[in-house]
Amino acid sequence: MNRQAVARELVAVARELAASKWDHIYPDGRKWYHTMTGVGKAKYVVNFHNGVSTHKDGSAFYDVALFSNKRVFARFVRDLEKQGYKEE
């Protein structure tokens, strides 16, 4: 094999890995969320994916909700779980 053939083979393998890398994290149709605290000026942050929305490249699109009140944050997370979201 010459260098160009090896390079083409490596690129093909890299594309396969990149395409399948997130499949186990973002299965189709699943609703996911994850929380963070102390991000910038926001005390509480919730990133959530509805199982449908995607970017142009096919990766999952996350919506973001910011909270400064712990009770409102907890209520929002509880509502997400009632809607079928699972914590990532």
N, C-alpha and C. Protein backbone atom coordinates (compact mmCIF):
# COMPACT_ATOMS: atom_id res chain seq x y z
N MET A 1 0.83 -1.18 0.00
CA MET A 1 0.00 0.00 0.00
C MET A 1 0.88 1.25 0.00
N ASN A 2 0.45 2.21 -0.78
CA ASN A 2 1.20 3.46 -0.78
C ASN A 2 0.62 4.40 0.29
N ARG A 3 1.25 5.54 0.47
CA ARG A 3 0.84 6.48 1.52
C ARG A 3 -0.58 7.00 1.32
N GLN A 4 -0.96 7.27 0.10
CA GLN A 4 -2.31 7.80 -0.15
C GLN A 4 -3.39 6.78 0.21
N ALA A 5 -3.14 5.53 -0.10
CA ALA A 5 -4.11 4.49 0.23
C ALA A 5 -4.24 4.33 1.74
N VAL A 6 -3.11 4.38 2.42
CA VAL A 6 -3.14 4.28 3.88
C VAL A 6 -3.88 5.48 4.48
N ALA A 7 -3.61 6.66 3.93
CA ALA A 7 -4.28 7.86 4.42
C ALA A 7 -5.79 7.78 4.20
N ARG A 8 -6.21 7.30 3.04
CA ARG A 8 -7.64 7.14 2.77
C ARG A 8 -8.29 6.16 3.74
N GLU A 9 -7.58 5.07 4.01
CA GLU A 9 -8.10 4.07 4.95
C GLU A 9 -8.23 4.65 6.36
N LEU A 10 -7.25 5.42 6.79
CA LEU A 10 -7.31 6.04 8.11
C LEU A 10 -8.46 7.04 8.21
N VAL A 11 -8.66 7.81 7.16
CA VAL A 11 -9.76 8.78 7.15
C VAL A 11 -11.10 8.05 7.22
N ALA A 12 -11.24 6.95 6.50
CA ALA A 12 -12.48 6.18 6.53
C ALA A 12 -12.76 5.62 7.92
N VAL A 13 -11.72 5.10 8.57
CA VAL A 13 -11.88 4.56 9.91
C VAL A 13 -12.24 5.68 10.90
N ALA A 14 -11.59 6.84 10.77
CA ALA A 14 -11.87 7.97 11.65
C ALA A 14 -13.31 8.44 11.49
N ARG A 15 -13.82 8.46 10.27
CA ARG A 15 -15.21 8.87 10.04
C ARG A 15 -16.18 7.90 10.67
N GLU A 16 -15.90 6.61 10.57
CA GLU A 16 -16.76 5.60 11.20
C GLU A 16 -16.80 5.77 12.71
N LEU A 17 -15.62 5.99 13.30
CA LEU A 17 -15.55 6.18 14.75
C LEU A 17 -16.28 7.44 15.18
N ALA A 18 -16.10 8.52 14.43
CA ALA A 18 -16.76 9.78 14.77
C ALA A 18 -18.27 9.65 14.66
N ALA A 19 -18.74 8.92 13.67
CA ALA A 19 -20.18 8.76 13.48
C ALA A 19 -20.80 7.91 14.60
N SER A 20 -20.08 6.92 15.08
CA SER A 20 -20.64 6.02 16.08
C SER A 20 -20.28 6.42 17.50
N LYS A 21 -19.43 7.43 17.67
CA LYS A 21 -18.97 7.81 19.00
C LYS A 21 -20.09 8.19 19.94
N TRP A 22 -21.08 8.93 19.45
CA TRP A 22 -22.14 9.45 20.30
C TRP A 22 -23.41 8.59 20.28
N ASP A 23 -23.44 7.52 19.51
CA ASP A 23 -24.65 6.71 19.42
C ASP A 23 -25.09 6.15 20.77
N HIS A 24 -24.15 5.75 21.61
CA HIS A 24 -24.52 5.19 22.90
C HIS A 24 -24.96 6.26 23.89
N ILE A 25 -24.57 7.51 23.66
CA ILE A 25 -24.94 8.59 24.57
C ILE A 25 -26.27 9.21 24.17
N TYR A 26 -26.51 9.36 22.88
CA TYR A 26 -27.71 10.02 22.39
C TYR A 26 -28.54 9.08 21.53
N PRO A 27 -29.13 8.04 22.11
CA PRO A 27 -29.96 7.16 21.29
C PRO A 27 -31.17 7.91 20.76
N ASP A 28 -31.61 7.54 19.59
CA ASP A 28 -32.74 8.23 18.96
C ASP A 28 -34.00 8.14 19.81
N GLY A 29 -34.68 9.27 19.92
CA GLY A 29 -35.95 9.31 20.60
C GLY A 29 -35.91 9.39 22.11
N ARG A 30 -34.73 9.34 22.70
CA ARG A 30 -34.64 9.40 24.16
C ARG A 30 -34.56 10.84 24.63
N LYS A 31 -35.19 11.11 25.74
CA LYS A 31 -35.16 12.44 26.33
C LYS A 31 -34.14 12.44 27.47
N TRP A 32 -33.16 13.33 27.38
CA TRP A 32 -32.08 13.40 28.36
C TRP A 32 -31.95 14.79 28.92
N TYR A 33 -31.43 14.88 30.14
CA TYR A 33 -31.07 16.18 30.70
C TYR A 33 -29.86 16.00 31.61
N HIS A 34 -29.13 17.07 31.81
CA HIS A 34 -28.09 17.08 32.83
C HIS A 34 -28.00 18.46 33.44
N THR A 35 -27.56 18.50 34.69
CA THR A 35 -27.55 19.75 35.43
C THR A 35 -26.12 20.16 35.77
N MET A 36 -25.94 21.47 35.93
CA MET A 36 -24.66 22.02 36.34
C MET A 36 -24.94 23.15 37.33
N THR A 37 -23.98 23.42 38.19
CA THR A 37 -24.12 24.52 39.14
C THR A 37 -22.93 25.46 39.00
N GLY A 38 -23.18 26.74 39.28
CA GLY A 38 -22.12 27.73 39.28
C GLY A 38 -21.51 28.00 37.92
N VAL A 39 -22.31 28.08 36.90
CA VAL A 39 -21.82 28.36 35.55
C VAL A 39 -22.05 29.84 35.25
N GLY A 40 -20.98 30.59 35.15
CA GLY A 40 -21.10 32.03 34.91
C GLY A 40 -21.86 32.69 36.04
N LYS A 41 -22.84 33.51 35.70
CA LYS A 41 -23.65 34.19 36.72
C LYS A 41 -24.85 33.36 37.14
N ALA A 42 -25.11 32.27 36.45
CA ALA A 42 -26.25 31.41 36.78
C ALA A 42 -25.87 30.45 37.90
N LYS A 43 -26.75 30.30 38.89
CA LYS A 43 -26.49 29.35 39.97
C LYS A 43 -26.74 27.92 39.51
N TYR A 44 -27.82 27.72 38.75
CA TYR A 44 -28.22 26.38 38.32
C TYR A 44 -28.51 26.39 36.82
N VAL A 45 -28.02 25.36 36.13
CA VAL A 45 -28.22 25.25 34.68
C VAL A 45 -28.73 23.85 34.38
N VAL A 46 -29.74 23.76 33.52
CA VAL A 46 -30.25 22.47 33.05
C VAL A 46 -30.14 22.46 31.54
N ASN A 47 -29.42 21.47 31.00
CA ASN A 47 -29.36 21.24 29.56
C ASN A 47 -30.23 20.02 29.29
N PHE A 48 -31.16 20.14 28.34
CA PHE A 48 -32.05 19.02 28.09
C PHE A 48 -32.29 18.85 26.59
N HIS A 49 -32.42 17.57 26.18
CA HIS A 49 -32.64 17.20 24.79
C HIS A 49 -33.96 16.44 24.69
N ASN A 50 -34.82 16.86 23.77
CA ASN A 50 -36.16 16.28 23.68
C ASN A 50 -36.21 14.99 22.85
N GLY A 51 -35.09 14.52 22.35
CA GLY A 51 -35.07 13.28 21.58
C GLY A 51 -35.32 13.47 20.11
N VAL A 52 -35.63 14.71 19.68
CA VAL A 52 -35.96 14.97 18.29
C VAL A 52 -35.05 16.02 17.67
N SER A 53 -34.85 17.13 18.34
CA SER A 53 -34.10 18.26 17.79
C SER A 53 -32.65 17.90 17.52
N THR A 54 -32.18 18.27 16.33
CA THR A 54 -30.78 18.01 15.98
C THR A 54 -30.18 19.22 15.27
N HIS A 55 -28.86 19.26 15.29
CA HIS A 55 -28.12 20.26 14.51
C HIS A 55 -28.06 19.78 13.07
N LYS A 56 -27.50 20.61 12.18
CA LYS A 56 -27.39 20.25 10.77
C LYS A 56 -26.56 18.99 10.56
N ASP A 57 -25.57 18.75 11.45
CA ASP A 57 -24.71 17.58 11.30
C ASP A 57 -25.31 16.32 11.93
N GLY A 58 -26.50 16.44 12.49
CA GLY A 58 -27.18 15.27 13.05
C GLY A 58 -26.96 15.07 14.55
N SER A 59 -26.12 15.89 15.17
CA SER A 59 -25.88 15.75 16.60
C SER A 59 -27.05 16.34 17.39
N ALA A 60 -27.19 15.87 18.61
CA ALA A 60 -28.32 16.28 19.45
C ALA A 60 -28.25 17.77 19.78
N PHE A 61 -29.41 18.44 19.75
CA PHE A 61 -29.51 19.85 20.11
C PHE A 61 -30.07 19.94 21.52
N TYR A 62 -29.33 20.56 22.39
CA TYR A 62 -29.75 20.72 23.77
C TYR A 62 -30.35 22.10 24.00
N ASP A 63 -31.48 22.14 24.68
CA ASP A 63 -32.05 23.40 25.15
C ASP A 63 -31.43 23.69 26.50
N VAL A 64 -31.45 24.96 26.90
CA VAL A 64 -30.81 25.38 28.15
C VAL A 64 -31.81 26.17 28.98
N ALA A 65 -31.84 25.88 30.26
CA ALA A 65 -32.66 26.65 31.21
C ALA A 65 -31.75 27.09 32.35
N LEU A 66 -31.82 28.39 32.70
CA LEU A 66 -31.00 28.97 33.76
C LEU A 66 -31.87 29.34 34.94
N PHE A 67 -31.36 29.09 36.15
CA PHE A 67 -32.11 29.39 37.36
C PHE A 67 -31.21 30.01 38.41
N SER A 68 -31.79 30.92 39.20
CA SER A 68 -31.07 31.48 40.34
C SER A 68 -31.71 31.04 41.65
N ASN A 69 -32.86 30.38 41.55
CA ASN A 69 -33.61 29.94 42.71
C ASN A 69 -33.63 28.41 42.75
N LYS A 70 -33.20 27.83 43.88
CA LYS A 70 -33.09 26.37 43.97
C LYS A 70 -34.45 25.68 43.90
N ARG A 71 -35.49 26.28 44.47
CA ARG A 71 -36.81 25.64 44.44
C ARG A 71 -37.38 25.60 43.02
N VAL A 72 -37.20 26.68 42.28
CA VAL A 72 -37.69 26.72 40.89
C VAL A 72 -36.90 25.71 40.05
N PHE A 73 -35.60 25.63 40.30
CA PHE A 73 -34.74 24.67 39.61
C PHE A 73 -35.22 23.23 39.88
N ALA A 74 -35.47 22.91 41.15
CA ALA A 74 -35.91 21.57 41.52
C ALA A 74 -37.27 21.24 40.91
N ARG A 75 -38.16 22.22 40.86
CA ARG A 75 -39.49 22.03 40.26
C ARG A 75 -39.35 21.75 38.77
N PHE A 76 -38.45 22.47 38.09
CA PHE A 76 -38.25 22.27 36.66
C PHE A 76 -37.71 20.87 36.38
N VAL A 77 -36.74 20.43 37.17
CA VAL A 77 -36.17 19.09 37.00
C VAL A 77 -37.24 18.03 37.25
N ARG A 78 -38.05 18.23 38.27
CA ARG A 78 -39.13 17.29 38.58
C ARG A 78 -40.13 17.21 37.41
N ASP A 79 -40.45 18.38 36.82
CA ASP A 79 -41.36 18.40 35.67
C ASP A 79 -40.76 17.69 34.46
N LEU A 80 -39.45 17.86 34.25
CA LEU A 80 -38.79 17.14 33.16
C LEU A 80 -38.91 15.63 33.36
N GLU A 81 -38.68 15.18 34.58
CA GLU A 81 -38.76 13.75 34.86
C GLU A 81 -40.17 13.22 34.66
N LYS A 82 -41.18 14.03 34.99
CA LYS A 82 -42.58 13.62 34.76
C LYS A 82 -42.87 13.50 33.28
N GLN A 83 -42.17 14.32 32.45
CA GLN A 83 -42.36 14.28 30.99
C GLN A 83 -41.57 13.14 30.34
N GLY A 84 -40.82 12.37 31.13
CA GLY A 84 -40.11 11.22 30.59
C GLY A 84 -38.63 11.44 30.36
N TYR A 85 -38.08 12.55 30.81
CA TYR A 85 -36.65 12.80 30.66
C TYR A 85 -35.88 11.98 31.70
N LYS A 86 -34.69 11.50 31.29
CA LYS A 86 -33.81 10.76 32.19
C LYS A 86 -32.53 11.56 32.38
N GLU A 87 -31.96 11.48 33.58
CA GLU A 87 -30.72 12.20 33.83
C GLU A 87 -29.56 11.49 33.14
N GLU A 88 -28.76 12.25 32.48
CA GLU A 88 -27.63 11.71 31.72
C GLU A 88 -26.46 11.45 32.62
